Amino acid sequence: MGTGKRGLIATAVAVVCAVTVLAAPGTAFASPSPTPAPSSSAGPTLAPGKDLEAVRKKLDKLYRAAARATDEYNAAEEKADKQSAEIVKLAKKIVKGKEKLAKLKDRAGASAAAQYRGGGLPPEAHLMLSDDPQEFLDGAGRVRQGQHAAKGLIGELARTQEDLEQYAKDASAQWKKLEAGRKAKAAAQKKIEQQIAQAEKLESELQKEEQERLAELEKEAAGKAQTAWLDSGILDEISGKASEQGKKAVAYATAQIGKPYQWGAEGPKTYDCSGLTSQAWLSAGQGIPRTSQEQWKRLRHIDIEDMRPGDLIIYFDDASHVAMYVGDGAIVHAPRPGRTVTLAGAGTMPILGVVRPDTDAEADTD
């Protein structure tokens, strides 16, 4: 009894302690390495046209790769939180189950002691030695009750032991998943930091005039995309009004304008793209998936012409970016490292589709 009890309790305590360590703040949300200082020697001078456009596309590619890795990181983080909570629940079940088992064994021991005090003879033998018929009949009923209770006690002991063994197996399986998730998070974090470091290095090698021209090229590209989207006439078809929850989500998201982008962040001081949208809807009383890819998979899809403020627009074929539609062809989003939460045109990036978090809510008709 002692060895088994100590083993299961040790398992429970070790699991709880380990979960606490893994959940503690550490390097998981550490900021990417600082931007490398520009070289003291003059970098290569780029032509103001074609070469800078190539740099813009290269930067876009690097930051999109970082965005994909950020989604991987956030997904691993979300799974780890759920697995940690499940392990803690199982650990508590193990402790409670062990306490129950100890009480059941005490009851079994008391029953054995009572039989010992009776001379070691089973109850049936005492009845056979009785000279009083009435005492015999009364005793026979008590014996049957005692036998039934004993069988029930043995059955409960066996079931409790089986439950404890299953809890231990489940905890072990969740622990393995948690460890795999930890490795996935670490790998995603490494990819994020590598992509961001490459992008920052590329930008740091540009002369001041080139950086200004690059910013102009980015604005021009976004402007052209938005103009093309508007020229399609799509805005004439979009007339949906926000629901009450949608209004609250939009109010939250727009209140974050100007706050820095930070991968893996959910506020209140910094955000990544899906951190902003998930927190905005949480503030409106509607929990939604943490990552842009899961938001695309699990939320109800809406035709673009039917979208209303508060709906989420998912961008790129890999669903690696998300923004909130705020009306009049505009979005609020957390763009990428080095940028802040901002308003932009809804058509500035390739739209994959639109999803709606509050599917059952009626639009405000006021």
Protein backbone atom coordinates (compact mmCIF):
# COMPACT_ATOMS: atom_id res chain seq x y z
CA MET A 1 0.00 0.00 0.00
CA GLY A 2 2.72 2.45 1.01
CA THR A 3 4.82 2.02 -2.14
CA GLY A 4 1.89 2.42 -4.52
CA LYS A 5 0.59 5.44 -2.65
CA ARG A 6 3.94 7.17 -2.60
CA GLY A 7 4.42 6.44 -6.30
CA LEU A 8 1.11 7.94 -7.41
CA ILE A 9 1.37 10.98 -5.15
CA ALA A 10 4.93 11.55 -6.33
CA THR A 11 3.65 11.43 -9.89
CA ALA A 12 0.97 13.99 -9.12
CA VAL A 13 3.35 16.34 -7.33
CA ALA A 14 5.99 16.04 -10.05
CA VAL A 15 3.42 16.74 -12.74
CA VAL A 16 2.09 19.85 -10.99
CA CYS A 17 5.60 21.17 -10.36
CA ALA A 18 6.67 20.54 -13.94
CA VAL A 19 3.60 22.27 -15.33
CA THR A 20 4.31 25.25 -13.11
CA VAL A 21 7.85 25.46 -14.43
CA LEU A 22 6.76 25.20 -18.06
CA ALA A 23 4.05 27.78 -17.58
CA ALA A 24 6.33 30.25 -15.82
CA PRO A 25 7.39 33.30 -17.83
CA GLY A 26 10.75 32.84 -19.43
CA THR A 27 12.19 33.07 -22.88
CA ALA A 28 9.00 31.97 -24.62
CA PHE A 29 7.91 35.51 -25.28
CA ALA A 30 11.33 37.08 -25.36
CA SER A 31 11.71 39.84 -27.89
CA PRO A 32 13.65 39.02 -31.03
CA SER A 33 17.31 39.94 -31.04
CA PRO A 34 17.97 43.67 -31.25
CA THR A 35 18.29 45.19 -34.66
CA PRO A 36 21.93 44.88 -35.79
CA ALA A 37 23.68 48.23 -35.90
CA PRO A 38 24.44 49.47 -39.39
CA SER A 39 27.95 48.82 -40.57
CA SER A 40 30.34 51.73 -40.24
CA SER A 41 31.34 51.27 -43.85
CA ALA A 42 28.96 52.48 -46.52
CA GLY A 43 26.65 49.75 -47.77
CA PRO A 44 26.02 49.03 -51.42
CA THR A 45 24.18 51.84 -53.16
CA LEU A 46 20.96 50.60 -54.74
CA ALA A 47 19.28 52.06 -57.77
CA PRO A 48 16.12 53.96 -56.77
CA GLY A 49 13.84 51.86 -58.94
CA LYS A 50 14.08 48.18 -59.73
CA ASP A 51 16.55 47.15 -57.01
CA LEU A 52 14.52 48.73 -54.21
CA GLU A 53 11.42 47.04 -55.52
CA ALA A 54 13.30 43.73 -55.23
CA VAL A 55 14.21 44.66 -51.65
CA ARG A 56 10.55 45.42 -50.90
CA LYS A 57 9.48 42.02 -52.20
CA LYS A 58 12.27 40.31 -50.28
CA LEU A 59 11.22 42.05 -47.06
CA ASP A 60 7.61 41.12 -47.67
CA LYS A 61 8.64 37.49 -48.13
CA LEU A 62 10.71 37.47 -44.93
CA TYR A 63 7.99 39.06 -42.81
CA ARG A 64 5.35 36.72 -44.21
CA ALA A 65 7.56 33.76 -43.30
CA ALA A 66 7.83 35.23 -39.80
CA ALA A 67 4.04 35.57 -39.69
CA ARG A 68 3.59 31.88 -40.58
CA ALA A 69 6.06 30.89 -37.88
CA THR A 70 4.25 33.15 -35.42
CA ASP A 71 1.02 31.27 -36.13
CA GLU A 72 2.87 28.01 -35.44
CA TYR A 73 4.18 29.45 -32.20
CA ASN A 74 0.78 30.70 -31.09
CA ALA A 75 -0.87 27.37 -31.92
CA ALA A 76 1.74 25.51 -29.88
CA GLU A 77 1.25 27.96 -27.03
CA GLU A 78 -2.53 27.48 -27.08
CA LYS A 79 -2.17 23.69 -27.05
CA ALA A 80 0.37 23.85 -24.23
CA ASP A 81 -2.04 25.88 -22.10
CA LYS A 82 -4.78 23.30 -22.60
CA GLN A 83 -2.45 20.36 -21.94
CA SER A 84 -1.09 22.01 -18.80
CA ALA A 85 -4.60 22.53 -17.48
CA GLU A 86 -5.49 18.90 -18.26
CA ILE A 87 -2.38 17.62 -16.46
CA VAL A 88 -3.24 19.67 -13.37
CA LYS A 89 -6.80 18.24 -13.40
CA LEU A 90 -5.43 14.71 -13.69
CA ALA A 91 -2.92 15.32 -10.91
CA LYS A 92 -5.75 16.46 -8.61
CA LYS A 93 -7.76 13.34 -9.54
CA ILE A 94 -4.76 11.17 -8.65
CA VAL A 95 -4.41 12.78 -5.24
CA LYS A 96 -8.15 12.52 -4.49
CA GLY A 97 -8.28 8.95 -5.78
CA LYS A 98 -5.37 7.97 -3.58
CA GLU A 99 -7.06 9.46 -0.55
CA LYS A 100 -10.21 7.50 -1.38
CA LEU A 101 -8.20 4.29 -1.80
CA ALA A 102 -6.57 4.80 1.58
CA LYS A 103 -9.99 5.16 3.27
CA LEU A 104 -11.30 2.06 1.52
CA LYS A 105 -8.29 0.08 2.68
CA ASP A 106 -8.83 1.33 6.22
CA ARG A 107 -12.40 0.04 6.05
CA ALA A 108 -11.18 -3.33 4.77
CA GLY A 109 -8.63 -3.47 7.56
CA ALA A 110 -11.27 -2.73 10.18
CA SER A 111 -13.41 -5.56 8.82
CA ALA A 112 -10.48 -7.96 9.03
CA ALA A 113 -9.74 -6.84 12.59
CA ALA A 114 -13.35 -7.47 13.63
CA GLN A 115 -13.14 -11.00 12.26
CA TYR A 116 -9.91 -11.54 14.18
CA ARG A 117 -11.57 -10.40 17.43
CA GLY A 118 -14.28 -12.98 16.75
CA GLY A 119 -11.76 -15.75 17.12
CA GLY A 120 -10.83 -15.93 13.50
CA LEU A 121 -13.99 -17.83 12.61
CA PRO A 122 -16.11 -16.60 9.73
CA PRO A 123 -19.62 -15.32 10.62
CA GLU A 124 -21.21 -18.49 9.18
CA ALA A 125 -19.35 -20.63 11.71
CA HIS A 126 -20.58 -18.54 14.64
CA LEU A 127 -24.15 -18.99 13.42
CA MET A 128 -23.79 -22.75 13.20
CA LEU A 129 -22.71 -22.79 16.85
CA SER A 130 -25.73 -20.78 18.02
CA ASP A 131 -28.37 -22.58 20.14
CA ASP A 132 -31.00 -19.84 19.69
CA PRO A 133 -33.07 -20.27 16.46
CA GLN A 134 -34.13 -16.61 16.44
CA GLU A 135 -30.54 -15.48 16.91
CA PHE A 136 -29.61 -17.79 14.03
CA LEU A 137 -32.20 -16.25 11.72
CA ASP A 138 -31.29 -12.69 12.67
CA GLY A 139 -27.65 -13.45 12.28
CA ALA A 140 -28.15 -15.04 8.86
CA GLY A 141 -29.62 -11.76 7.58
CA ARG A 142 -26.71 -9.80 8.98
CA VAL A 143 -24.24 -12.22 7.40
CA ARG A 144 -25.84 -11.78 3.99
CA GLN A 145 -25.68 -8.00 4.42
CA GLY A 146 -22.07 -8.23 5.53
CA GLN A 147 -21.13 -10.42 2.58
CA HIS A 148 -22.81 -7.99 0.17
CA ALA A 149 -21.02 -5.04 1.80
CA ALA A 150 -17.69 -6.88 1.63
CA LYS A 151 -18.14 -7.61 -2.07
CA GLY A 152 -19.08 -3.98 -2.68
CA LEU A 153 -16.01 -2.80 -0.79
CA ILE A 154 -13.73 -5.09 -2.78
CA GLY A 155 -15.32 -3.95 -6.03
CA GLU A 156 -14.91 -0.27 -5.08
CA LEU A 157 -11.28 -0.88 -4.15
CA ALA A 158 -10.62 -2.48 -7.55
CA ARG A 159 -12.39 0.30 -9.47
CA THR A 160 -10.55 3.02 -7.58
CA GLN A 161 -7.21 1.37 -8.27
CA GLU A 162 -8.09 1.05 -11.98
CA ASP A 163 -9.08 4.72 -12.09
CA LEU A 164 -5.77 5.73 -10.54
CA GLU A 165 -3.83 3.68 -13.07
CA GLN A 166 -5.80 5.29 -15.94
CA TYR A 167 -5.23 8.79 -14.55
CA ALA A 168 -1.51 8.09 -14.40
CA LYS A 169 -1.50 6.87 -18.01
CA ASP A 170 -3.47 9.91 -19.17
CA ALA A 171 -1.13 12.26 -17.32
CA SER A 172 1.87 10.58 -18.91
CA ALA A 173 0.33 10.94 -22.39
CA GLN A 174 -0.46 14.62 -21.81
CA TRP A 175 3.06 15.17 -20.54
CA LYS A 176 4.52 13.73 -23.75
CA LYS A 177 2.28 16.04 -25.80
CA LEU A 178 3.36 18.99 -23.67
CA GLU A 179 7.01 18.17 -24.27
CA ALA A 180 6.40 17.87 -28.02
CA GLY A 181 4.60 21.22 -27.94
CA ARG A 182 7.51 22.81 -26.10
CA LYS A 183 9.86 21.69 -28.87
CA ALA A 184 7.46 22.98 -31.54
CA LYS A 185 7.34 26.36 -29.79
CA ALA A 186 11.11 26.54 -29.59
CA ALA A 187 11.48 25.66 -33.28
CA ALA A 188 8.87 28.26 -34.28
CA GLN A 189 10.54 30.89 -32.12
CA LYS A 190 13.88 30.21 -33.80
CA LYS A 191 12.31 30.60 -37.26
CA ILE A 192 10.61 33.84 -36.25
CA GLU A 193 13.80 35.38 -34.91
CA GLN A 194 15.82 34.27 -37.94
CA GLN A 195 13.35 35.77 -40.42
CA ILE A 196 13.04 39.04 -38.50
CA ALA A 197 16.81 39.32 -38.06
CA GLN A 198 17.34 38.87 -41.82
CA ALA A 199 14.72 41.50 -42.62
CA GLU A 200 16.14 43.99 -40.13
CA LYS A 201 19.65 43.40 -41.43
CA LEU A 202 18.48 44.02 -45.00
CA GLU A 203 16.77 47.26 -43.98
CA SER A 204 19.74 48.42 -41.92
CA GLU A 205 22.03 48.19 -44.94
CA LEU A 206 19.99 50.79 -46.83
CA GLN A 207 20.96 54.43 -46.92
CA LYS A 208 18.51 56.91 -45.38
CA GLU A 209 17.30 58.02 -48.81
CA GLU A 210 16.80 54.40 -49.83
CA GLN A 211 14.80 53.67 -46.67
CA GLU A 212 12.55 56.64 -47.42
CA ARG A 213 12.10 55.50 -51.02
CA LEU A 214 11.37 51.96 -49.82
CA ALA A 215 8.63 53.29 -47.53
CA GLU A 216 7.16 55.14 -50.52
CA LEU A 217 7.22 51.97 -52.60
CA GLU A 218 5.39 50.09 -49.83
CA LYS A 219 2.70 52.78 -49.73
CA GLU A 220 2.42 52.80 -53.50
CA ALA A 221 2.01 49.02 -53.65
CA ALA A 222 -0.66 49.11 -50.93
CA GLY A 223 -2.41 52.01 -52.66
CA LYS A 224 -2.51 50.24 -56.00
CA ALA A 225 -3.94 47.09 -54.43
CA GLN A 226 -6.61 49.04 -52.55
CA THR A 227 -7.55 51.04 -55.65
CA ALA A 228 -7.92 47.87 -57.70
CA TRP A 229 -10.11 46.35 -54.98
CA LEU A 230 -12.32 49.44 -54.81
CA ASP A 231 -12.50 49.70 -58.61
CA SER A 232 -14.08 46.25 -58.68
CA GLY A 233 -17.19 47.89 -57.20
CA ILE A 234 -17.17 45.61 -54.19
CA LEU A 235 -17.72 48.45 -51.72
CA ASP A 236 -21.08 49.25 -53.36
CA GLU A 237 -22.24 45.76 -52.38
CA ILE A 238 -21.03 45.91 -48.76
CA SER A 239 -23.68 47.52 -46.57
CA GLY A 240 -23.82 45.31 -43.48
CA LYS A 241 -24.04 47.01 -40.08
CA ALA A 242 -22.24 45.82 -36.99
CA SER A 243 -23.94 43.80 -34.28
CA GLU A 244 -23.74 45.05 -30.69
CA GLN A 245 -20.85 42.66 -30.03
CA GLY A 246 -19.23 43.71 -33.30
CA LYS A 247 -19.33 47.35 -32.22
CA LYS A 248 -17.58 46.47 -28.97
CA ALA A 249 -14.91 44.45 -30.82
CA VAL A 250 -14.28 47.30 -33.26
CA ALA A 251 -14.08 49.82 -30.40
CA TYR A 252 -11.48 47.69 -28.64
CA ALA A 253 -9.39 47.10 -31.77
CA THR A 254 -9.36 50.74 -32.85
CA ALA A 255 -8.43 51.82 -29.31
CA GLN A 256 -5.16 49.88 -29.75
CA ILE A 257 -4.05 51.95 -32.76
CA GLY A 258 -0.47 53.10 -32.34
CA LYS A 259 0.61 50.20 -30.10
CA PRO A 260 3.62 48.19 -31.36
CA TYR A 261 3.49 44.84 -33.11
CA GLN A 262 5.10 42.03 -31.11
CA TRP A 263 4.96 38.43 -32.24
CA GLY A 264 3.18 36.14 -29.77
CA ALA A 265 1.64 39.10 -27.94
CA GLU A 266 -2.01 39.50 -26.91
CA GLY A 267 -1.85 42.93 -25.31
CA PRO A 268 -2.41 45.08 -23.53
CA LYS A 269 0.74 46.92 -24.62
CA THR A 270 1.70 44.99 -27.77
CA TYR A 271 -0.06 42.66 -30.24
CA ASP A 272 0.46 40.38 -33.17
CA CYS A 273 -2.27 40.19 -35.80
CA SER A 274 -4.38 37.39 -34.31
CA GLY A 275 -3.61 38.52 -30.78
CA LEU A 276 -5.38 41.79 -31.62
CA THR A 277 -8.45 40.18 -33.20
CA SER A 278 -8.86 37.48 -30.54
CA GLN A 279 -8.58 39.96 -27.68
CA ALA A 280 -10.94 42.41 -29.38
CA TRP A 281 -13.63 39.75 -29.60
CA LEU A 282 -12.91 38.48 -26.10
CA SER A 283 -13.54 42.02 -24.84
CA ALA A 284 -16.91 41.81 -26.59
CA GLY A 285 -17.74 38.59 -24.75
CA GLN A 286 -16.97 36.18 -27.57
CA GLY A 287 -14.00 33.84 -27.31
CA ILE A 288 -12.46 32.84 -30.65
CA PRO A 289 -9.40 30.78 -31.69
CA ARG A 290 -6.00 32.35 -31.03
CA THR A 291 -4.39 32.03 -34.46
CA SER A 292 -5.39 33.40 -37.86
CA GLN A 293 -5.30 29.91 -39.37
CA GLU A 294 -7.62 28.50 -36.70
CA GLN A 295 -9.88 31.53 -37.03
CA TRP A 296 -10.14 30.71 -40.73
CA LYS A 297 -10.78 27.01 -40.06
CA ARG A 298 -13.25 27.24 -37.21
CA LEU A 299 -15.26 30.43 -37.65
CA ARG A 300 -18.20 30.76 -40.03
CA HIS A 301 -17.24 31.89 -43.54
CA ILE A 302 -19.03 34.96 -44.92
CA ASP A 303 -19.18 36.26 -48.50
CA ILE A 304 -17.18 39.48 -48.86
CA GLU A 305 -20.24 41.43 -50.01
CA ASP A 306 -22.06 40.34 -46.82
CA MET A 307 -19.38 41.38 -44.36
CA ARG A 308 -20.02 43.91 -41.63
CA PRO A 309 -17.82 45.79 -39.12
CA GLY A 310 -16.34 43.37 -36.62
CA ASP A 311 -15.94 40.55 -39.15
CA LEU A 312 -12.42 39.26 -39.67
CA ILE A 313 -10.67 39.31 -43.05
CA ILE A 314 -8.16 36.51 -43.53
CA TYR A 315 -5.28 37.22 -45.91
CA PHE A 316 -2.95 35.16 -48.14
CA ASP A 317 -3.40 31.58 -49.29
CA ASP A 318 -1.89 30.22 -46.07
CA ALA A 319 -4.19 32.30 -43.81
CA SER A 320 -1.11 33.83 -42.20
CA HIS A 321 -2.60 37.26 -41.52
CA VAL A 322 -5.87 38.55 -40.11
CA ALA A 323 -7.44 41.99 -39.72
CA MET A 324 -10.75 43.35 -38.48
CA TYR A 325 -13.09 45.07 -40.90
CA VAL A 326 -14.25 48.42 -39.49
CA GLY A 327 -16.39 49.66 -42.37
CA ASP A 328 -16.00 51.93 -45.40
CA GLY A 329 -13.47 49.60 -46.99
CA ALA A 330 -11.04 49.87 -44.06
CA ILE A 331 -9.43 47.46 -41.60
CA VAL A 332 -7.55 47.74 -38.33
CA HIS A 333 -4.65 45.34 -37.92
CA ALA A 334 -1.22 44.71 -36.42
CA PRO A 335 0.87 44.51 -39.63
CA ARG A 336 4.35 43.18 -38.81
CA PRO A 337 7.49 43.71 -36.71
CA GLY A 338 8.62 47.32 -36.76
CA ARG A 339 5.07 48.59 -37.30
CA THR A 340 2.20 49.58 -35.03
CA VAL A 341 -1.50 48.74 -34.95
CA THR A 342 -2.99 50.85 -37.71
CA LEU A 343 -5.89 51.50 -40.07
CA ALA A 344 -5.44 50.37 -43.67
CA GLY A 345 -7.42 49.57 -46.78
CA ALA A 346 -9.13 46.19 -46.72
CA GLY A 347 -7.85 45.42 -50.23
CA THR A 348 -4.16 46.19 -49.63
CA MET A 349 -3.35 42.47 -49.31
CA PRO A 350 -4.65 39.37 -51.11
CA ILE A 351 -7.91 38.37 -49.40
CA LEU A 352 -8.46 34.69 -48.71
CA GLY A 353 -11.91 35.15 -47.18
CA VAL A 354 -14.01 36.58 -44.38
CA VAL A 355 -15.15 34.96 -41.12
CA ARG A 356 -17.73 36.03 -38.54
CA PRO A 357 -17.27 35.35 -34.81
CA ASP A 358 -20.83 36.26 -33.69
CA THR A 359 -22.79 34.14 -36.14
CA ASP A 360 -26.08 34.25 -34.21
CA ALA A 361 -26.08 37.98 -33.49
CA GLU A 362 -28.41 40.31 -35.33
CA ALA A 363 -26.97 43.43 -36.96
CA ASP A 364 -27.86 46.74 -35.35
CA THR A 365 -30.51 48.40 -37.49
CA ASP A 366 -30.15 51.85 -35.90
